[in-house]
Amino acid sequence: MRRVLALAAWGYVVWVILTWTLTLEQLVFGGVVAVAVAVMLAPLGGVIGPWWLFTPRRLLVVVHLIAEVVRRILVANVKLAARIWSPRLPLSSGMVITPTHERGDGGIAAVGIITSLIVDNQITDIDRRRHLFQYHAVAVPPENRAAARRAINGPIEDLLARFEIREPAR
């Protein structure tokens, strides 16, 4: 029952964010859909409920993560606009491979999605065996893989590591 409740809560949050409509009909229909999907997905495995985020320490990490991502998105967009509008700035786009410290499915997915929100780098491939991400970068860092990690996925991984996520109970 706890698994169904957690899945329904996540589903409902996603529904509200995607529809962005707060009419009574929309909210009720979203709740029904969220519960139906939760019942179907519950046998597939454990899940951490959204209430897990509301401990003071984790909430602080979430706020810090959101602030860092928003800052990186704004900086990347300003840099890209400057590259587009100023022909003097060289375009050094290409592929870059960075190491990752993430090992779990959730961590890898989170880093890939969050870093791809930032317009500078879009994830294109993951090598799970060698623990590498491959990105298409607007501006390829000129140094080695460790420097690329510090510039692209390292700060996000470091913030995610502060969550202390453990596998949910099965």
N, C-alpha and C. Protein backbone atom coordinates (compact mmCIF):
# COMPACT_ATOMS: atom_id res chain seq x y z
N MET A 1 0.81 -1.19 0.00
CA MET A 1 0.00 0.00 0.00
C MET A 1 0.86 1.26 0.00
N ARG A 2 1.97 1.21 0.76
CA ARG A 2 2.88 2.37 0.83
C ARG A 2 3.49 2.65 -0.54
N ARG A 3 3.82 1.59 -1.27
CA ARG A 3 4.39 1.73 -2.61
C ARG A 3 3.39 2.39 -3.56
N VAL A 4 2.13 1.98 -3.48
CA VAL A 4 1.08 2.56 -4.33
C VAL A 4 0.92 4.04 -3.98
N LEU A 5 0.92 4.35 -2.70
CA LEU A 5 0.77 5.74 -2.26
C LEU A 5 1.94 6.60 -2.77
N ALA A 6 3.17 6.08 -2.69
CA ALA A 6 4.33 6.83 -3.16
C ALA A 6 4.26 7.05 -4.67
N LEU A 7 3.93 6.01 -5.41
CA LEU A 7 3.82 6.14 -6.87
C LEU A 7 2.69 7.09 -7.27
N ALA A 8 1.57 7.00 -6.57
CA ALA A 8 0.45 7.90 -6.87
C ALA A 8 0.83 9.35 -6.58
N ALA A 9 1.55 9.57 -5.50
CA ALA A 9 1.98 10.94 -5.17
C ALA A 9 2.91 11.50 -6.25
N TRP A 10 3.89 10.70 -6.67
CA TRP A 10 4.79 11.15 -7.75
C TRP A 10 4.01 11.40 -9.04
N GLY A 11 3.12 10.47 -9.36
CA GLY A 11 2.32 10.62 -10.58
C GLY A 11 1.46 11.88 -10.55
N TYR A 12 0.90 12.17 -9.39
CA TYR A 12 0.06 13.35 -9.27
C TYR A 12 0.88 14.63 -9.40
N VAL A 13 2.06 14.64 -8.80
CA VAL A 13 2.96 15.81 -8.93
C VAL A 13 3.30 16.03 -10.40
N VAL A 14 3.65 14.97 -11.10
CA VAL A 14 3.97 15.08 -12.53
C VAL A 14 2.76 15.57 -13.31
N TRP A 15 1.58 15.05 -13.01
CA TRP A 15 0.36 15.47 -13.70
C TRP A 15 0.14 16.98 -13.53
N VAL A 16 0.25 17.46 -12.31
CA VAL A 16 0.02 18.88 -12.05
C VAL A 16 1.06 19.74 -12.78
N ILE A 17 2.31 19.31 -12.78
CA ILE A 17 3.36 20.07 -13.45
C ILE A 17 3.14 20.08 -14.97
N LEU A 18 2.80 18.93 -15.54
CA LEU A 18 2.63 18.86 -16.99
C LEU A 18 1.37 19.56 -17.48
N THR A 19 0.28 19.46 -16.74
CA THR A 19 -0.95 20.09 -17.21
C THR A 19 -1.01 21.57 -16.84
N TRP A 20 -0.44 21.90 -15.72
CA TRP A 20 -0.36 23.29 -15.26
C TRP A 20 -1.74 23.96 -15.24
N THR A 21 -2.76 23.15 -14.99
CA THR A 21 -4.13 23.64 -14.91
C THR A 21 -4.70 23.22 -13.57
N LEU A 22 -5.24 24.16 -12.82
CA LEU A 22 -5.72 23.84 -11.48
C LEU A 22 -7.23 23.95 -11.37
N THR A 23 -7.94 23.36 -12.31
CA THR A 23 -9.39 23.29 -12.18
C THR A 23 -9.74 22.03 -11.40
N LEU A 24 -10.90 22.01 -10.81
CA LEU A 24 -11.31 20.85 -10.01
C LEU A 24 -11.34 19.58 -10.86
N GLU A 25 -11.88 19.68 -12.07
CA GLU A 25 -11.96 18.51 -12.95
C GLU A 25 -10.58 17.98 -13.29
N GLN A 26 -9.67 18.88 -13.59
CA GLN A 26 -8.30 18.49 -13.96
C GLN A 26 -7.61 17.82 -12.78
N LEU A 27 -7.77 18.35 -11.59
CA LEU A 27 -7.14 17.78 -10.40
C LEU A 27 -7.71 16.42 -10.04
N VAL A 28 -9.02 16.27 -10.14
CA VAL A 28 -9.64 14.98 -9.83
C VAL A 28 -9.24 13.93 -10.86
N PHE A 29 -9.31 14.29 -12.14
CA PHE A 29 -8.92 13.35 -13.19
C PHE A 29 -7.46 12.95 -13.03
N GLY A 30 -6.59 13.91 -12.73
CA GLY A 30 -5.17 13.60 -12.50
C GLY A 30 -4.98 12.66 -11.33
N GLY A 31 -5.76 12.84 -10.28
CA GLY A 31 -5.68 11.94 -9.13
C GLY A 31 -6.09 10.52 -9.49
N VAL A 32 -7.16 10.39 -10.26
CA VAL A 32 -7.62 9.07 -10.69
C VAL A 32 -6.57 8.39 -11.57
N VAL A 33 -6.02 9.14 -12.52
CA VAL A 33 -4.98 8.59 -13.40
C VAL A 33 -3.75 8.19 -12.59
N ALA A 34 -3.35 9.04 -11.65
CA ALA A 34 -2.16 8.75 -10.83
C ALA A 34 -2.34 7.48 -10.02
N VAL A 35 -3.52 7.28 -9.44
CA VAL A 35 -3.78 6.07 -8.65
C VAL A 35 -3.80 4.84 -9.55
N ALA A 36 -4.46 4.96 -10.70
CA ALA A 36 -4.52 3.81 -11.63
C ALA A 36 -3.12 3.40 -12.09
N VAL A 37 -2.31 4.37 -12.45
CA VAL A 37 -0.94 4.06 -12.89
C VAL A 37 -0.14 3.49 -11.73
N ALA A 38 -0.32 4.03 -10.53
CA ALA A 38 0.41 3.53 -9.36
C ALA A 38 0.07 2.07 -9.06
N VAL A 39 -1.18 1.73 -9.18
CA VAL A 39 -1.59 0.33 -8.93
C VAL A 39 -0.93 -0.59 -9.95
N MET A 40 -0.85 -0.15 -11.20
CA MET A 40 -0.23 -0.99 -12.24
C MET A 40 1.28 -1.09 -12.08
N LEU A 41 1.93 -0.03 -11.61
CA LEU A 41 3.39 -0.03 -11.50
C LEU A 41 3.91 -0.57 -10.18
N ALA A 42 3.10 -0.61 -9.16
CA ALA A 42 3.54 -1.03 -7.83
C ALA A 42 4.23 -2.40 -7.80
N PRO A 43 3.78 -3.39 -8.55
CA PRO A 43 4.46 -4.69 -8.49
C PRO A 43 5.88 -4.69 -9.07
N LEU A 44 6.27 -3.61 -9.75
CA LEU A 44 7.57 -3.60 -10.41
C LEU A 44 8.74 -3.34 -9.46
N GLY A 45 8.50 -2.84 -8.26
CA GLY A 45 9.61 -2.63 -7.34
C GLY A 45 9.37 -1.47 -6.41
N GLY A 46 10.34 -1.26 -5.53
CA GLY A 46 10.24 -0.22 -4.52
C GLY A 46 10.35 1.18 -5.10
N VAL A 47 9.88 2.13 -4.33
CA VAL A 47 9.92 3.53 -4.74
C VAL A 47 10.01 4.40 -3.49
N ILE A 48 10.73 5.48 -3.61
CA ILE A 48 10.85 6.44 -2.53
C ILE A 48 9.77 7.49 -2.73
N GLY A 49 8.98 7.75 -1.71
CA GLY A 49 7.90 8.73 -1.81
C GLY A 49 8.42 10.16 -1.83
N PRO A 50 7.64 11.08 -2.37
CA PRO A 50 8.08 12.48 -2.44
C PRO A 50 8.26 13.11 -1.07
N TRP A 51 7.59 12.59 -0.04
CA TRP A 51 7.74 13.13 1.30
C TRP A 51 9.15 12.94 1.83
N TRP A 52 9.89 12.03 1.22
CA TRP A 52 11.29 11.79 1.58
C TRP A 52 12.13 13.05 1.43
N LEU A 53 11.75 13.92 0.50
CA LEU A 53 12.50 15.15 0.24
C LEU A 53 12.31 16.20 1.33
N PHE A 54 11.31 16.06 2.17
CA PHE A 54 10.95 17.14 3.08
C PHE A 54 11.61 17.08 4.45
N THR A 55 12.67 16.30 4.59
CA THR A 55 13.47 16.42 5.80
C THR A 55 14.31 17.68 5.61
N PRO A 56 14.61 18.41 6.68
CA PRO A 56 15.31 19.70 6.52
C PRO A 56 16.62 19.61 5.73
N ARG A 57 17.40 18.59 5.99
CA ARG A 57 18.69 18.48 5.30
C ARG A 57 18.50 18.25 3.80
N ARG A 58 17.61 17.34 3.43
CA ARG A 58 17.38 17.06 2.01
C ARG A 58 16.73 18.24 1.32
N LEU A 59 15.82 18.91 1.99
CA LEU A 59 15.17 20.08 1.40
C LEU A 59 16.19 21.16 1.09
N LEU A 60 17.16 21.33 1.97
CA LEU A 60 18.23 22.30 1.73
C LEU A 60 19.05 21.91 0.51
N VAL A 61 19.33 20.62 0.36
CA VAL A 61 20.07 20.14 -0.81
C VAL A 61 19.25 20.36 -2.08
N VAL A 62 17.94 20.11 -2.03
CA VAL A 62 17.08 20.32 -3.19
C VAL A 62 17.10 21.79 -3.61
N VAL A 63 16.97 22.69 -2.63
CA VAL A 63 17.00 24.13 -2.93
C VAL A 63 18.35 24.51 -3.54
N HIS A 64 19.43 24.00 -2.98
CA HIS A 64 20.77 24.29 -3.50
C HIS A 64 20.93 23.73 -4.92
N LEU A 65 20.45 22.52 -5.16
CA LEU A 65 20.53 21.91 -6.48
C LEU A 65 19.74 22.72 -7.50
N ILE A 66 18.52 23.12 -7.16
CA ILE A 66 17.71 23.92 -8.07
C ILE A 66 18.39 25.25 -8.36
N ALA A 67 18.92 25.90 -7.33
CA ALA A 67 19.60 27.19 -7.53
C ALA A 67 20.81 27.03 -8.45
N GLU A 68 21.58 25.97 -8.25
CA GLU A 68 22.76 25.73 -9.08
C GLU A 68 22.38 25.45 -10.53
N VAL A 69 21.34 24.65 -10.73
CA VAL A 69 20.90 24.34 -12.10
C VAL A 69 20.36 25.59 -12.79
N VAL A 70 19.56 26.37 -12.09
CA VAL A 70 19.04 27.61 -12.68
C VAL A 70 20.19 28.56 -13.03
N ARG A 71 21.16 28.68 -12.13
CA ARG A 71 22.33 29.53 -12.41
C ARG A 71 23.08 29.06 -13.65
N ARG A 72 23.32 27.74 -13.73
CA ARG A 72 24.04 27.20 -14.89
C ARG A 72 23.24 27.37 -16.18
N ILE A 73 21.91 27.22 -16.12
CA ILE A 73 21.08 27.42 -17.31
C ILE A 73 21.17 28.87 -17.79
N LEU A 74 21.06 29.82 -16.86
CA LEU A 74 21.13 31.23 -17.23
C LEU A 74 22.49 31.59 -17.82
N VAL A 75 23.56 31.16 -17.18
CA VAL A 75 24.91 31.45 -17.69
C VAL A 75 25.12 30.83 -19.07
N ALA A 76 24.69 29.58 -19.23
CA ALA A 76 24.85 28.90 -20.52
C ALA A 76 24.06 29.61 -21.62
N ASN A 77 22.85 30.05 -21.32
CA ASN A 77 22.05 30.74 -22.32
C ASN A 77 22.65 32.08 -22.71
N VAL A 78 23.19 32.81 -21.74
CA VAL A 78 23.84 34.09 -22.05
C VAL A 78 25.09 33.85 -22.90
N LYS A 79 25.88 32.85 -22.57
CA LYS A 79 27.07 32.53 -23.37
C LYS A 79 26.70 32.12 -24.78
N LEU A 80 25.65 31.30 -24.92
CA LEU A 80 25.23 30.87 -26.25
C LEU A 80 24.72 32.06 -27.06
N ALA A 81 23.95 32.94 -26.45
CA ALA A 81 23.47 34.13 -27.15
C ALA A 81 24.65 35.00 -27.59
N ALA A 82 25.64 35.13 -26.74
CA ALA A 82 26.82 35.91 -27.11
C ALA A 82 27.56 35.27 -28.29
N ARG A 83 27.65 33.94 -28.30
CA ARG A 83 28.30 33.25 -29.43
C ARG A 83 27.52 33.45 -30.72
N ILE A 84 26.21 33.44 -30.62
CA ILE A 84 25.38 33.60 -31.82
C ILE A 84 25.47 35.02 -32.36
N TRP A 85 25.42 36.00 -31.48
CA TRP A 85 25.36 37.40 -31.92
C TRP A 85 26.73 38.01 -32.18
N SER A 86 27.79 37.40 -31.71
CA SER A 86 29.12 37.95 -31.92
C SER A 86 29.94 37.00 -32.79
N PRO A 87 30.20 37.36 -34.04
CA PRO A 87 30.96 36.47 -34.92
C PRO A 87 32.43 36.31 -34.49
N ARG A 88 32.91 37.17 -33.60
CA ARG A 88 34.31 37.06 -33.14
C ARG A 88 34.53 35.86 -32.24
N LEU A 89 33.49 35.45 -31.52
CA LEU A 89 33.66 34.33 -30.60
C LEU A 89 33.71 33.01 -31.39
N PRO A 90 34.77 32.26 -31.20
CA PRO A 90 34.90 31.01 -31.96
C PRO A 90 33.91 29.95 -31.47
N LEU A 91 33.46 29.14 -32.40
CA LEU A 91 32.58 28.03 -32.07
C LEU A 91 33.44 26.78 -31.98
N SER A 92 33.53 26.22 -30.79
CA SER A 92 34.37 25.04 -30.60
C SER A 92 33.51 23.87 -30.14
N SER A 93 32.46 23.59 -30.88
CA SER A 93 31.56 22.51 -30.50
C SER A 93 32.17 21.16 -30.85
N GLY A 94 31.67 20.14 -30.21
CA GLY A 94 32.16 18.79 -30.47
C GLY A 94 31.71 17.84 -29.38
N MET A 95 32.29 16.67 -29.39
CA MET A 95 31.95 15.64 -28.41
C MET A 95 32.99 15.64 -27.30
N VAL A 96 32.53 15.41 -26.08
CA VAL A 96 33.42 15.34 -24.94
C VAL A 96 33.00 14.16 -24.06
N ILE A 97 33.99 13.45 -23.54
CA ILE A 97 33.73 12.30 -22.68
C ILE A 97 34.18 12.65 -21.27
N THR A 98 33.27 12.45 -20.30
CA THR A 98 33.59 12.77 -18.91
C THR A 98 33.38 11.53 -18.05
N PRO A 99 34.23 11.34 -17.05
CA PRO A 99 34.00 10.24 -16.11
C PRO A 99 32.86 10.59 -15.17
N THR A 100 32.21 9.57 -14.62
CA THR A 100 31.14 9.78 -13.64
C THR A 100 31.42 8.94 -12.40
N HIS A 101 31.00 9.47 -11.28
CA HIS A 101 31.11 8.73 -10.03
C HIS A 101 29.81 8.02 -9.70
N GLU A 102 28.76 8.29 -10.48
CA GLU A 102 27.46 7.66 -10.26
C GLU A 102 27.50 6.20 -10.68
N ARG A 103 26.85 5.36 -9.88
CA ARG A 103 26.81 3.94 -10.20
C ARG A 103 25.38 3.42 -10.34
N GLY A 104 24.46 3.99 -9.62
CA GLY A 104 23.07 3.51 -9.65
C GLY A 104 22.29 4.08 -10.81
N ASP A 105 21.21 3.39 -11.17
CA ASP A 105 20.37 3.84 -12.28
C ASP A 105 19.79 5.23 -12.05
N GLY A 106 19.29 5.47 -10.83
CA GLY A 106 18.69 6.77 -10.52
C GLY A 106 19.70 7.90 -10.60
N GLY A 107 20.88 7.70 -10.08
CA GLY A 107 21.91 8.73 -10.12
C GLY A 107 22.36 9.05 -11.53
N ILE A 108 22.54 8.01 -12.33
CA ILE A 108 22.95 8.22 -13.72
C ILE A 108 21.86 8.95 -14.49
N ALA A 109 20.62 8.54 -14.28
CA ALA A 109 19.51 9.21 -14.96
C ALA A 109 19.39 10.66 -14.52
N ALA A 110 19.52 10.92 -13.23
CA ALA A 110 19.41 12.28 -12.72
C ALA A 110 20.51 13.17 -13.30
N VAL A 111 21.74 12.70 -13.29
CA VAL A 111 22.85 13.50 -13.82
C VAL A 111 22.65 13.75 -15.32
N GLY A 112 22.26 12.72 -16.05
CA GLY A 112 22.05 12.88 -17.49
C GLY A 112 20.95 13.88 -17.81
N ILE A 113 19.84 13.79 -17.09
CA ILE A 113 18.72 14.69 -17.35
C ILE A 113 19.06 16.11 -16.92
N ILE A 114 19.58 16.26 -15.71
CA ILE A 114 19.86 17.61 -15.20
C ILE A 114 20.92 18.31 -16.03
N THR A 115 22.00 17.61 -16.38
CA THR A 115 23.04 18.27 -17.16
C THR A 115 22.58 18.57 -18.58
N SER A 116 21.62 17.82 -19.09
CA SER A 116 21.10 18.10 -20.43
C SER A 116 20.11 19.26 -20.44
N LEU A 117 19.62 19.67 -19.28
CA LEU A 117 18.78 20.87 -19.20
C LEU A 117 19.60 22.13 -19.49
N ILE A 118 20.88 22.03 -19.23
CA ILE A 118 21.79 23.16 -19.44
C ILE A 118 22.22 23.13 -20.90
N VAL A 119 21.99 24.22 -21.60
CA VAL A 119 22.11 24.25 -23.06
C VAL A 119 23.53 23.98 -23.55
N ASP A 120 24.53 24.15 -22.72
CA ASP A 120 25.92 23.93 -23.14
C ASP A 120 26.21 22.50 -23.55
N ASN A 121 25.59 21.54 -22.86
CA ASN A 121 25.95 20.13 -23.06
C ASN A 121 24.70 19.27 -23.11
N GLN A 122 24.65 18.39 -24.09
CA GLN A 122 23.54 17.45 -24.21
C GLN A 122 24.10 16.04 -24.19
N ILE A 123 23.61 15.23 -23.26
CA ILE A 123 24.14 13.87 -23.14
C ILE A 123 23.73 13.05 -24.36
N THR A 124 24.68 12.30 -24.87
CA THR A 124 24.40 11.49 -26.05
C THR A 124 24.59 10.00 -25.80
N ASP A 125 25.46 9.65 -24.84
CA ASP A 125 25.72 8.24 -24.61
C ASP A 125 26.23 8.02 -23.20
N ILE A 126 26.01 6.81 -22.69
CA ILE A 126 26.49 6.42 -21.37
C ILE A 126 27.19 5.09 -21.51
N ASP A 127 28.41 5.00 -21.00
CA ASP A 127 29.14 3.74 -20.95
C ASP A 127 29.14 3.29 -19.50
N ARG A 128 28.20 2.42 -19.15
CA ARG A 128 28.05 1.98 -17.76
C ARG A 128 29.26 1.17 -17.29
N ARG A 129 29.84 0.40 -18.17
CA ARG A 129 30.96 -0.47 -17.79
C ARG A 129 32.19 0.34 -17.40
N ARG A 130 32.48 1.39 -18.17
CA ARG A 130 33.67 2.21 -17.90
C ARG A 130 33.34 3.49 -17.13
N HIS A 131 32.05 3.70 -16.78
CA HIS A 131 31.59 4.84 -16.00
C HIS A 131 31.92 6.17 -16.69
N LEU A 132 31.43 6.28 -17.93
CA LEU A 132 31.67 7.49 -18.73
C LEU A 132 30.37 8.02 -19.31
N PHE A 133 30.28 9.34 -19.38
CA PHE A 133 29.21 10.01 -20.11
C PHE A 133 29.82 10.61 -21.36
N GLN A 134 29.06 10.64 -22.45
CA GLN A 134 29.50 11.35 -23.64
C GLN A 134 28.49 12.46 -23.90
N TYR A 135 28.99 13.67 -24.06
CA TYR A 135 28.15 14.84 -24.29
C TYR A 135 28.49 15.47 -25.62
N HIS A 136 27.48 16.09 -26.23
CA HIS A 136 27.73 17.02 -27.32
C HIS A 136 27.81 18.38 -26.65
N ALA A 137 28.93 19.05 -26.81
CA ALA A 137 29.17 20.32 -26.12
C ALA A 137 29.22 21.47 -27.11
N VAL A 138 28.65 22.60 -26.71
CA VAL A 138 28.73 23.82 -27.51
C VAL A 138 30.16 24.33 -27.50
N ALA A 139 30.80 24.27 -26.33
CA ALA A 139 32.20 24.67 -26.19
C ALA A 139 32.93 23.55 -25.46
N VAL A 140 33.74 22.82 -26.18
CA VAL A 140 34.47 21.68 -25.61
C VAL A 140 35.57 22.21 -24.69
N PRO A 141 35.61 21.73 -23.43
CA PRO A 141 36.69 22.13 -22.55
C PRO A 141 38.04 21.69 -23.12
N PRO A 142 39.06 22.54 -23.11
CA PRO A 142 40.32 22.24 -23.79
C PRO A 142 41.21 21.24 -23.07
N GLU A 143 40.87 20.89 -21.83
CA GLU A 143 41.77 20.03 -21.06
C GLU A 143 41.34 18.57 -21.11
N ASN A 144 41.73 17.81 -20.09
CA ASN A 144 41.49 16.37 -20.04
C ASN A 144 40.08 16.03 -19.53
N ARG A 145 39.81 14.74 -19.39
CA ARG A 145 38.49 14.27 -18.96
C ARG A 145 38.14 14.74 -17.55
N ALA A 146 39.12 14.77 -16.66
CA ALA A 146 38.85 15.20 -15.29
C ALA A 146 38.40 16.67 -15.28
N ALA A 147 39.02 17.49 -16.09
CA ALA A 147 38.62 18.90 -16.18
C ALA A 147 37.23 19.03 -16.79
N ALA A 148 36.93 18.19 -17.77
CA ALA A 148 35.61 18.20 -18.39
C ALA A 148 34.56 17.79 -17.36
N ARG A 149 34.86 16.81 -16.52
CA ARG A 149 33.93 16.41 -15.46
C ARG A 149 33.68 17.56 -14.50
N ARG A 150 34.75 18.27 -14.12
CA ARG A 150 34.59 19.41 -13.21
C ARG A 150 33.72 20.49 -13.83
N ALA A 151 33.78 20.64 -15.14
CA ALA A 151 33.01 21.69 -15.82
C ALA A 151 31.58 21.27 -16.14
N ILE A 152 31.34 19.99 -16.39
CA ILE A 152 30.03 19.57 -16.90
C ILE A 152 29.19 18.84 -15.85
N ASN A 153 29.58 17.65 -15.46
CA ASN A 153 28.71 16.84 -14.61
C ASN A 153 29.17 16.75 -13.15
N GLY A 154 30.37 17.13 -12.84
CA GLY A 154 30.89 17.03 -11.48
C GLY A 154 30.09 17.78 -10.43
N PRO A 155 29.80 19.08 -10.66
CA PRO A 155 29.05 19.82 -9.63
C PRO A 155 27.67 19.23 -9.35
N ILE A 156 27.02 18.73 -10.39
CA ILE A 156 25.68 18.13 -10.20
C ILE A 156 25.81 16.81 -9.44
N GLU A 157 26.80 15.99 -9.79
CA GLU A 157 27.01 14.73 -9.07
C GLU A 157 27.34 14.98 -7.60
N ASP A 158 28.14 16.00 -7.33
CA ASP A 158 28.50 16.30 -5.95
C ASP A 158 27.29 16.71 -5.13
N LEU A 159 26.39 17.48 -5.73
CA LEU A 159 25.17 17.86 -5.02
C LEU A 159 24.26 16.65 -4.81
N LEU A 160 24.13 15.81 -5.83
CA LEU A 160 23.29 14.62 -5.69
C LEU A 160 23.83 13.66 -4.65
N ALA A 161 25.15 13.61 -4.49
CA ALA A 161 25.76 12.72 -3.50
C ALA A 161 25.35 13.10 -2.08
N ARG A 162 24.99 14.35 -1.87
CA ARG A 162 24.58 14.80 -0.54
C ARG A 162 23.19 14.30 -0.14
N PHE A 163 22.44 13.71 -1.07
CA PHE A 163 21.12 13.19 -0.76
C PHE A 163 21.18 11.92 0.08
N GLU A 164 22.26 11.17 -0.01
CA GLU A 164 22.39 9.89 0.69
C GLU A 164 21.22 8.98 0.37
N ILE A 165 21.00 8.74 -0.91
CA ILE A 165 19.90 7.89 -1.35
C ILE A 165 20.25 6.43 -1.14
N ARG A 166 19.33 5.72 -0.56
CA ARG A 166 19.48 4.28 -0.42
C ARG A 166 18.36 3.61 -1.20
N GLU A 167 18.59 2.40 -1.60
CA GLU A 167 17.57 1.66 -2.35
C GLU A 167 16.30 1.55 -1.52
N PRO A 168 15.14 1.78 -2.13
CA PRO A 168 13.89 1.63 -1.40
C PRO A 168 13.60 0.16 -1.07
N ALA A 169 12.83 -0.03 -0.04
CA ALA A 169 12.46 -1.39 0.37
C ALA A 169 11.63 -2.05 -0.71
N ARG A 170 11.87 -3.30 -0.96
CA ARG A 170 11.16 -4.05 -2.00
C ARG A 170 9.87 -4.62 -1.48
